[in-house]
């Protein structure tokens, strides 16, 4: 169990709002959300996006996935992936190590379904490399860990492996999920970037503006 001193040291390294979420996990062992968080409204997303200056990405050639530590313990024996698998499924049963033994899952990106959670991926909605080039290159290790394992905001979700491979590390100017999910996707993308103080580039901002204006 984390000591009070270790918690204070960890929280000193991450933004205040993220610190509050981290404190919930570290001190109680219970995640702040029991279901996939609902993104901010389209109106709020439009307001946030309008205030974000279009800024060119930088430091892309220095990205290293290992600088974002995944996965961490979220609750009991459940690590981040296991917790998202349990959260995003229907009638999910798990064993004592928190591995899903049964249930059903639907990928919001392409509406694919499965009864085998291991065939789906936990996706970082704002990809780690995208975050890096949008400002995470300057973060501490603790900040990057908090971002990579954030179950409080709509940043992690279970999706089909095919849609995750198709998306890769592309932003909304380069890749979008099925039409019925695009408004939700854009709202979540803006929420995550605004919360973490990440930048948007010109093409990305134009794409998001178009989607949000149609929501």
C-alpha atoms as a PDB file:
ATOM      1  CA  UNK A   1       0.000   0.000   0.000  1.00  0.00           C
ATOM      2  CA  UNK A   2       1.258   3.495  -0.835  1.00  0.00           C
ATOM      3  CA  UNK A   3       2.393   5.556   2.138  1.00  0.00           C
ATOM      4  CA  UNK A   4       1.226   9.119   2.736  1.00  0.00           C
ATOM      5  CA  UNK A   5       4.713  10.368   1.875  1.00  0.00           C
ATOM      6  CA  UNK A   6       4.855   8.485  -1.426  1.00  0.00           C
ATOM      7  CA  UNK A   7       1.394   9.754  -2.368  1.00  0.00           C
ATOM      8  CA  UNK A   8       2.479  13.341  -1.683  1.00  0.00           C
ATOM      9  CA  UNK A   9       5.580  12.895  -3.827  1.00  0.00           C
ATOM     10  CA  UNK A  10       3.532  11.445  -6.700  1.00  0.00           C
ATOM     11  CA  UNK A  11       0.841  14.118  -6.572  1.00  0.00           C
ATOM     12  CA  UNK A  12       3.427  16.895  -6.607  1.00  0.00           C
ATOM     13  CA  UNK A  13       4.468  15.800 -10.101  1.00  0.00           C
ATOM     14  CA  UNK A  14       1.094  15.969 -11.889  1.00  0.00           C
ATOM     15  CA  UNK A  15      -1.527  18.642 -12.588  1.00  0.00           C
ATOM     16  CA  UNK A  16      -3.917  19.488  -9.732  1.00  0.00           C
ATOM     17  CA  UNK A  17      -7.026  17.937 -11.288  1.00  0.00           C
ATOM     18  CA  UNK A  18      -5.122  14.810 -12.282  1.00  0.00           C
ATOM     19  CA  UNK A  19      -3.705  14.685  -8.774  1.00  0.00           C
ATOM     20  CA  UNK A  20      -7.197  14.515  -7.327  1.00  0.00           C
ATOM     21  CA  UNK A  21      -8.049  11.551  -9.542  1.00  0.00           C
ATOM     22  CA  UNK A  22      -4.770   9.849  -8.667  1.00  0.00           C
ATOM     23  CA  UNK A  23      -5.396  10.391  -4.975  1.00  0.00           C
ATOM     24  CA  UNK A  24      -8.745   8.618  -5.317  1.00  0.00           C
ATOM     25  CA  UNK A  25      -7.041   5.557  -6.772  1.00  0.00           C
ATOM     26  CA  UNK A  26      -4.076   5.533  -4.403  1.00  0.00           C
ATOM     27  CA  UNK A  27      -5.931   6.115  -1.160  1.00  0.00           C
ATOM     28  CA  UNK A  28      -9.182   4.243  -1.669  1.00  0.00           C
ATOM     29  CA  UNK A  29      -8.374   1.688  -4.360  1.00  0.00           C
ATOM     30  CA  UNK A  30     -11.657   2.589  -6.068  1.00  0.00           C
ATOM     31  CA  UNK A  31     -11.743   4.251  -9.508  1.00  0.00           C
ATOM     32  CA  UNK A  32     -13.587   7.560  -9.765  1.00  0.00           C
ATOM     33  CA  UNK A  33     -15.838   6.223 -12.560  1.00  0.00           C
ATOM     34  CA  UNK A  34     -17.744   2.967 -12.848  1.00  0.00           C
ATOM     35  CA  UNK A  35     -18.660   3.475 -16.509  1.00  0.00           C
ATOM     36  CA  UNK A  36     -17.092   5.025 -19.563  1.00  0.00           C
ATOM     37  CA  UNK A  37     -17.150   8.760 -18.778  1.00  0.00           C
ATOM     38  CA  UNK A  38     -19.519  10.853 -20.878  1.00  0.00           C
ATOM     39  CA  UNK A  39     -17.556  13.477 -22.796  1.00  0.00           C
ATOM     40  CA  UNK A  40     -18.224  17.178 -22.448  1.00  0.00           C
ATOM     41  CA  UNK A  41     -21.046  18.646 -24.523  1.00  0.00           C
ATOM     42  CA  UNK A  42     -20.494  19.740 -28.101  1.00  0.00           C
ATOM     43  CA  UNK A  43     -21.025  23.363 -27.051  1.00  0.00           C
ATOM     44  CA  UNK A  44     -18.345  23.115 -24.377  1.00  0.00           C
ATOM     45  CA  UNK A  45     -16.012  21.321 -26.777  1.00  0.00           C
ATOM     46  CA  UNK A  46     -16.498  24.078 -29.358  1.00  0.00           C
ATOM     47  CA  UNK A  47     -15.641  26.689 -26.724  1.00  0.00           C
ATOM     48  CA  UNK A  48     -12.514  24.815 -25.617  1.00  0.00           C
ATOM     49  CA  UNK A  49     -11.386  24.209 -29.190  1.00  0.00           C
ATOM     50  CA  UNK A  50     -11.861  27.829 -30.226  1.00  0.00           C
ATOM     51  CA  UNK A  51      -9.505  28.878 -27.426  1.00  0.00           C
ATOM     52  CA  UNK A  52      -6.778  26.484 -28.550  1.00  0.00           C
ATOM     53  CA  UNK A  53      -4.284  28.132 -30.921  1.00  0.00           C
ATOM     54  CA  UNK A  54      -3.311  26.033 -33.934  1.00  0.00           C
ATOM     55  CA  UNK A  55       0.246  24.975 -33.136  1.00  0.00           C
ATOM     56  CA  UNK A  56       2.584  22.788 -35.152  1.00  0.00           C
ATOM     57  CA  UNK A  57       3.590  19.531 -33.462  1.00  0.00           C
ATOM     58  CA  UNK A  58       7.185  19.165 -32.292  1.00  0.00           C
ATOM     59  CA  UNK A  59       9.623  16.549 -30.923  1.00  0.00           C
ATOM     60  CA  UNK A  60       7.888  13.770 -32.861  1.00  0.00           C
ATOM     61  CA  UNK A  61      11.204  12.140 -33.710  1.00  0.00           C
ATOM     62  CA  UNK A  62      12.046  11.715 -30.010  1.00  0.00           C
ATOM     63  CA  UNK A  63       8.879   9.777 -29.107  1.00  0.00           C
ATOM     64  CA  UNK A  64       9.392   6.556 -27.175  1.00  0.00           C
ATOM     65  CA  UNK A  65       6.333   4.575 -26.038  1.00  0.00           C
ATOM     66  CA  UNK A  66       8.195   3.229 -23.009  1.00  0.00           C
ATOM     67  CA  UNK A  67       8.196   6.760 -21.573  1.00  0.00           C
ATOM     68  CA  UNK A  68       4.466   6.267 -20.914  1.00  0.00           C
ATOM     69  CA  UNK A  69       4.174   3.540 -18.280  1.00  0.00           C
ATOM     70  CA  UNK A  70       1.254   1.211 -18.968  1.00  0.00           C
ATOM     71  CA  UNK A  71      -0.489  -0.499 -17.280  1.00  0.00           C
ATOM     72  CA  UNK A  72      -0.764   0.277 -13.533  1.00  0.00           C
ATOM     73  CA  UNK A  73      -2.938  -1.131 -10.743  1.00  0.00           C
ATOM     74  CA  UNK A  74      -6.271   0.681 -10.657  1.00  0.00           C
ATOM     75  CA  UNK A  75      -8.272  -1.279  -8.084  1.00  0.00           C
ATOM     76  CA  UNK A  76      -7.581  -4.479  -6.176  1.00  0.00           C
ATOM     77  CA  UNK A  77      -5.962  -6.934  -8.597  1.00  0.00           C
ATOM     78  CA  UNK A  78      -7.163  -5.022 -11.682  1.00  0.00           C
ATOM     79  CA  UNK A  79      -4.651  -3.170 -13.813  1.00  0.00           C
ATOM     80  CA  UNK A  80      -5.728  -0.462 -16.247  1.00  0.00           C
ATOM     81  CA  UNK A  81      -6.476  -2.784 -19.151  1.00  0.00           C
ATOM     82  CA  UNK A  82      -8.396  -5.258 -17.006  1.00  0.00           C
ATOM     83  CA  UNK A  83     -10.414  -2.478 -15.402  1.00  0.00           C
ATOM     84  CA  UNK A  84     -11.389  -1.010 -18.792  1.00  0.00           C
ATOM     85  CA  UNK A  85     -12.288  -4.477 -20.095  1.00  0.00           C
ATOM     86  CA  UNK A  86     -14.608  -4.986 -17.140  1.00  0.00           C
ATOM     87  CA  UNK A  87     -16.060  -1.464 -17.385  1.00  0.00           C
ATOM     88  CA  UNK A  88     -16.775  -1.518 -21.114  1.00  0.00           C
ATOM     89  CA  UNK A  89     -18.364  -4.941 -21.377  1.00  0.00           C
ATOM     90  CA  UNK A  90     -21.773  -6.451 -20.677  1.00  0.00           C
ATOM     91  CA  UNK A  91     -22.273  -9.244 -18.119  1.00  0.00           C
ATOM     92  CA  UNK A  92     -18.523  -9.456 -17.558  1.00  0.00           C
ATOM     93  CA  UNK A  93     -17.234 -12.125 -15.175  1.00  0.00           C
ATOM     94  CA  UNK A  94     -13.631 -12.125 -13.968  1.00  0.00           C
ATOM     95  CA  UNK A  95     -11.380 -14.510 -12.094  1.00  0.00           C
ATOM     96  CA  UNK A  96      -9.444 -13.680  -8.929  1.00  0.00           C
ATOM     97  CA  UNK A  97      -6.681 -12.028 -10.949  1.00  0.00           C
ATOM     98  CA  UNK A  98      -9.251  -9.762 -12.664  1.00  0.00           C
ATOM     99  CA  UNK A  99      -8.975 -11.482 -16.056  1.00  0.00           C
ATOM    100  CA  UNK A 100     -12.289 -11.522 -17.924  1.00  0.00           C
ATOM    101  CA  UNK A 101     -13.631 -15.059 -18.236  1.00  0.00           C
ATOM    102  CA  UNK A 102     -16.897 -14.216 -19.983  1.00  0.00           C
ATOM    103  CA  UNK A 103     -18.912 -11.272 -21.253  1.00  0.00           C
ATOM    104  CA  UNK A 104     -19.610  -9.405 -24.467  1.00  0.00           C
ATOM    105  CA  UNK A 105     -18.101  -6.255 -25.913  1.00  0.00           C
ATOM    106  CA  UNK A 106     -18.955  -3.866 -28.760  1.00  0.00           C
ATOM    107  CA  UNK A 107     -16.348  -1.604 -30.314  1.00  0.00           C
ATOM    108  CA  UNK A 108     -17.615   2.002 -30.585  1.00  0.00           C
ATOM    109  CA  UNK A 109     -15.225   2.681 -33.470  1.00  0.00           C
ATOM    110  CA  UNK A 110     -16.725   0.174 -35.904  1.00  0.00           C
ATOM    111  CA  UNK A 111     -19.542  -1.672 -34.087  1.00  0.00           C
ATOM    112  CA  UNK A 112     -17.615  -4.963 -34.131  1.00  0.00           C
ATOM    113  CA  UNK A 113     -18.573  -7.371 -31.350  1.00  0.00           C
ATOM    114  CA  UNK A 114     -16.799 -10.115 -29.451  1.00  0.00           C
ATOM    115  CA  UNK A 115     -17.174 -12.489 -26.525  1.00  0.00           C
ATOM    116  CA  UNK A 116     -13.395 -12.780 -26.221  1.00  0.00           C
ATOM    117  CA  UNK A 117     -11.962  -9.652 -24.587  1.00  0.00           C
ATOM    118  CA  UNK A 118      -8.405 -10.613 -25.516  1.00  0.00           C
ATOM    119  CA  UNK A 119      -9.285 -10.020 -29.182  1.00  0.00           C
ATOM    120  CA  UNK A 120      -9.983  -6.332 -28.469  1.00  0.00           C
ATOM    121  CA  UNK A 121      -7.533  -3.548 -27.604  1.00  0.00           C
ATOM    122  CA  UNK A 122      -7.653  -0.810 -25.014  1.00  0.00           C
ATOM    123  CA  UNK A 123      -7.149   2.305 -27.111  1.00  0.00           C
ATOM    124  CA  UNK A 124      -5.728   5.637 -26.003  1.00  0.00           C
ATOM    125  CA  UNK A 125      -8.233   7.918 -27.688  1.00  0.00           C
ATOM    126  CA  UNK A 126      -5.578  10.630 -27.921  1.00  0.00           C
ATOM    127  CA  UNK A 127      -2.639   8.399 -28.919  1.00  0.00           C
ATOM    128  CA  UNK A 128       0.507   8.493 -26.822  1.00  0.00           C
ATOM    129  CA  UNK A 129       2.646   9.656 -29.738  1.00  0.00           C
ATOM    130  CA  UNK A 130       0.094  12.366 -30.542  1.00  0.00           C
ATOM    131  CA  UNK A 131       0.219  13.523 -26.931  1.00  0.00           C
ATOM    132  CA  UNK A 132       4.015  13.513 -27.031  1.00  0.00           C
ATOM    133  CA  UNK A 133       4.165  15.764 -30.093  1.00  0.00           C
ATOM    134  CA  UNK A 134       1.448  17.991 -28.646  1.00  0.00           C
ATOM    135  CA  UNK A 135       3.311  18.772 -25.440  1.00  0.00           C
ATOM    136  CA  UNK A 136       3.831  15.596 -23.403  1.00  0.00           C
ATOM    137  CA  UNK A 137       7.497  15.604 -24.434  1.00  0.00           C
ATOM    138  CA  UNK A 138       8.018  18.174 -21.670  1.00  0.00           C
ATOM    139  CA  UNK A 139       6.132  16.242 -18.967  1.00  0.00           C
ATOM    140  CA  UNK A 140       7.545  14.286 -16.066  1.00  0.00           C
ATOM    141  CA  UNK A 141       7.351  10.494 -15.992  1.00  0.00           C
ATOM    142  CA  UNK A 142       4.552  10.733 -13.425  1.00  0.00           C
ATOM    143  CA  UNK A 143       2.487  13.008 -15.670  1.00  0.00           C
ATOM    144  CA  UNK A 144       2.890  10.667 -18.627  1.00  0.00           C
ATOM    145  CA  UNK A 145       1.901   7.683 -16.481  1.00  0.00           C
ATOM    146  CA  UNK A 146      -1.208   9.507 -15.281  1.00  0.00           C
ATOM    147  CA  UNK A 147      -2.173  10.300 -18.880  1.00  0.00           C
ATOM    148  CA  UNK A 148      -1.551   6.767 -20.148  1.00  0.00           C
ATOM    149  CA  UNK A 149      -3.714   5.229 -17.423  1.00  0.00           C
ATOM    150  CA  UNK A 150      -6.476   7.847 -17.115  1.00  0.00           C
ATOM    151  CA  UNK A 151      -9.799   6.121 -16.404  1.00  0.00           C
ATOM    152  CA  UNK A 152     -11.471   9.305 -15.172  1.00  0.00           C
ATOM    153  CA  UNK A 153     -11.718  11.069 -18.530  1.00  0.00           C
ATOM    154  CA  UNK A 154     -12.905   9.461 -21.830  1.00  0.00           C
ATOM    155  CA  UNK A 155      -9.328   8.669 -22.857  1.00  0.00           C
ATOM    156  CA  UNK A 156      -9.340   4.855 -22.641  1.00  0.00           C
ATOM    157  CA  UNK A 157     -11.857   2.546 -24.261  1.00  0.00           C
ATOM    158  CA  UNK A 158     -12.054  -1.003 -25.509  1.00  0.00           C
ATOM    159  CA  UNK A 159     -12.163  -1.254 -29.307  1.00  0.00           C
ATOM    160  CA  UNK A 160     -11.711  -3.891 -31.984  1.00  0.00           C
ATOM    161  CA  UNK A 161      -8.123  -4.699 -32.853  1.00  0.00           C
ATOM    162  CA  UNK A 162      -8.834  -3.923 -36.495  1.00  0.00           C
ATOM    163  CA  UNK A 163     -10.102  -0.412 -35.815  1.00  0.00           C
ATOM    164  CA  UNK A 164      -7.235   0.253 -33.445  1.00  0.00           C
ATOM    165  CA  UNK A 165      -4.687  -0.782 -36.060  1.00  0.00           C
ATOM    166  CA  UNK A 166      -6.462   1.329 -38.658  1.00  0.00           C
ATOM    167  CA  UNK A 167      -6.373   4.371 -36.401  1.00  0.00           C
ATOM    168  CA  UNK A 168      -2.777   3.921 -35.284  1.00  0.00           C
ATOM    169  CA  UNK A 169      -1.410   7.217 -33.985  1.00  0.00           C
ATOM    170  CA  UNK A 170      -3.443   9.409 -36.339  1.00  0.00           C
ATOM    171  CA  UNK A 171      -5.456  12.445 -35.270  1.00  0.00           C
ATOM    172  CA  UNK A 172      -9.021  13.371 -36.404  1.00  0.00           C
ATOM    173  CA  UNK A 173      -7.710  15.072 -39.559  1.00  0.00           C
ATOM    174  CA  UNK A 174      -6.346  11.698 -40.647  1.00  0.00           C
ATOM    175  CA  UNK A 175      -8.705   9.091 -39.169  1.00  0.00           C
ATOM    176  CA  UNK A 176     -12.235   8.966 -37.749  1.00  0.00           C
ATOM    177  CA  UNK A 177     -14.441   6.183 -36.338  1.00  0.00           C
ATOM    178  CA  UNK A 178     -17.839   5.218 -37.741  1.00  0.00           C
ATOM    179  CA  UNK A 179     -20.109   8.191 -38.453  1.00  0.00           C
ATOM    180  CA  UNK A 180     -22.440   7.546 -35.509  1.00  0.00           C
ATOM    181  CA  UNK A 181     -19.549   7.868 -33.048  1.00  0.00           C
ATOM    182  CA  UNK A 182     -17.733  10.875 -34.521  1.00  0.00           C
ATOM    183  CA  UNK A 183     -19.432  13.549 -32.440  1.00  0.00           C
ATOM    184  CA  UNK A 184     -18.685  11.646 -29.240  1.00  0.00           C
ATOM    185  CA  UNK A 185     -15.131  11.045 -30.440  1.00  0.00           C
ATOM    186  CA  UNK A 186     -14.497  14.724 -31.196  1.00  0.00           C
ATOM    187  CA  UNK A 187     -15.979  15.840 -27.871  1.00  0.00           C
ATOM    188  CA  UNK A 188     -13.792  13.363 -26.003  1.00  0.00           C
ATOM    189  CA  UNK A 189     -10.671  14.315 -28.008  1.00  0.00           C
ATOM    190  CA  UNK A 190     -11.079  18.012 -27.204  1.00  0.00           C
ATOM    191  CA  UNK A 191     -11.832  17.265 -23.553  1.00  0.00           C
ATOM    192  CA  UNK A 192      -8.684  15.216 -23.101  1.00  0.00           C
ATOM    193  CA  UNK A 193      -6.454  17.692 -24.917  1.00  0.00           C
ATOM    194  CA  UNK A 194      -7.888  20.663 -23.027  1.00  0.00           C
ATOM    195  CA  UNK A 195      -7.598  18.954 -19.656  1.00  0.00           C
ATOM    196  CA  UNK A 196      -3.946  18.056 -20.178  1.00  0.00           C
ATOM    197  CA  UNK A 197      -3.013  21.340 -21.858  1.00  0.00           C
ATOM    198  CA  UNK A 198      -2.069  19.639 -25.128  1.00  0.00           C
ATOM    199  CA  UNK A 199      -1.916  21.592 -28.377  1.00  0.00           C
ATOM    200  CA  UNK A 200      -3.808  21.024 -31.629  1.00  0.00           C
ATOM    201  CA  UNK A 201      -2.344  21.522 -35.078  1.00  0.00           C
ATOM    202  CA  UNK A 202      -4.095  23.399 -37.895  1.00  0.00           C
ATOM    203  CA  UNK A 203      -5.490  20.415 -39.799  1.00  0.00           C
ATOM    204  CA  UNK A 204      -6.596  18.743 -36.558  1.00  0.00           C
ATOM    205  CA  UNK A 205      -8.398  21.891 -35.387  1.00  0.00           C
ATOM    206  CA  UNK A 206     -10.152  22.304 -38.735  1.00  0.00           C
ATOM    207  CA  UNK A 207     -11.342  18.680 -38.711  1.00  0.00           C
ATOM    208  CA  UNK A 208     -12.602  18.872 -35.127  1.00  0.00           C
ATOM    209  CA  UNK A 209     -14.356  22.173 -35.771  1.00  0.00           C
ATOM    210  CA  UNK A 210     -16.217  20.669 -38.713  1.00  0.00           C
ATOM    211  CA  UNK A 211     -17.328  17.645 -36.715  1.00  0.00           C
ATOM    212  CA  UNK A 212     -18.400  19.652 -33.661  1.00  0.00           C
ATOM    213  CA  UNK A 213     -20.309  22.176 -35.763  1.00  0.00           C
ATOM    214  CA  UNK A 214     -22.403  19.280 -37.034  1.00  0.00           C
ATOM    215  CA  UNK A 215     -23.144  17.803 -33.607  1.00  0.00           C
END
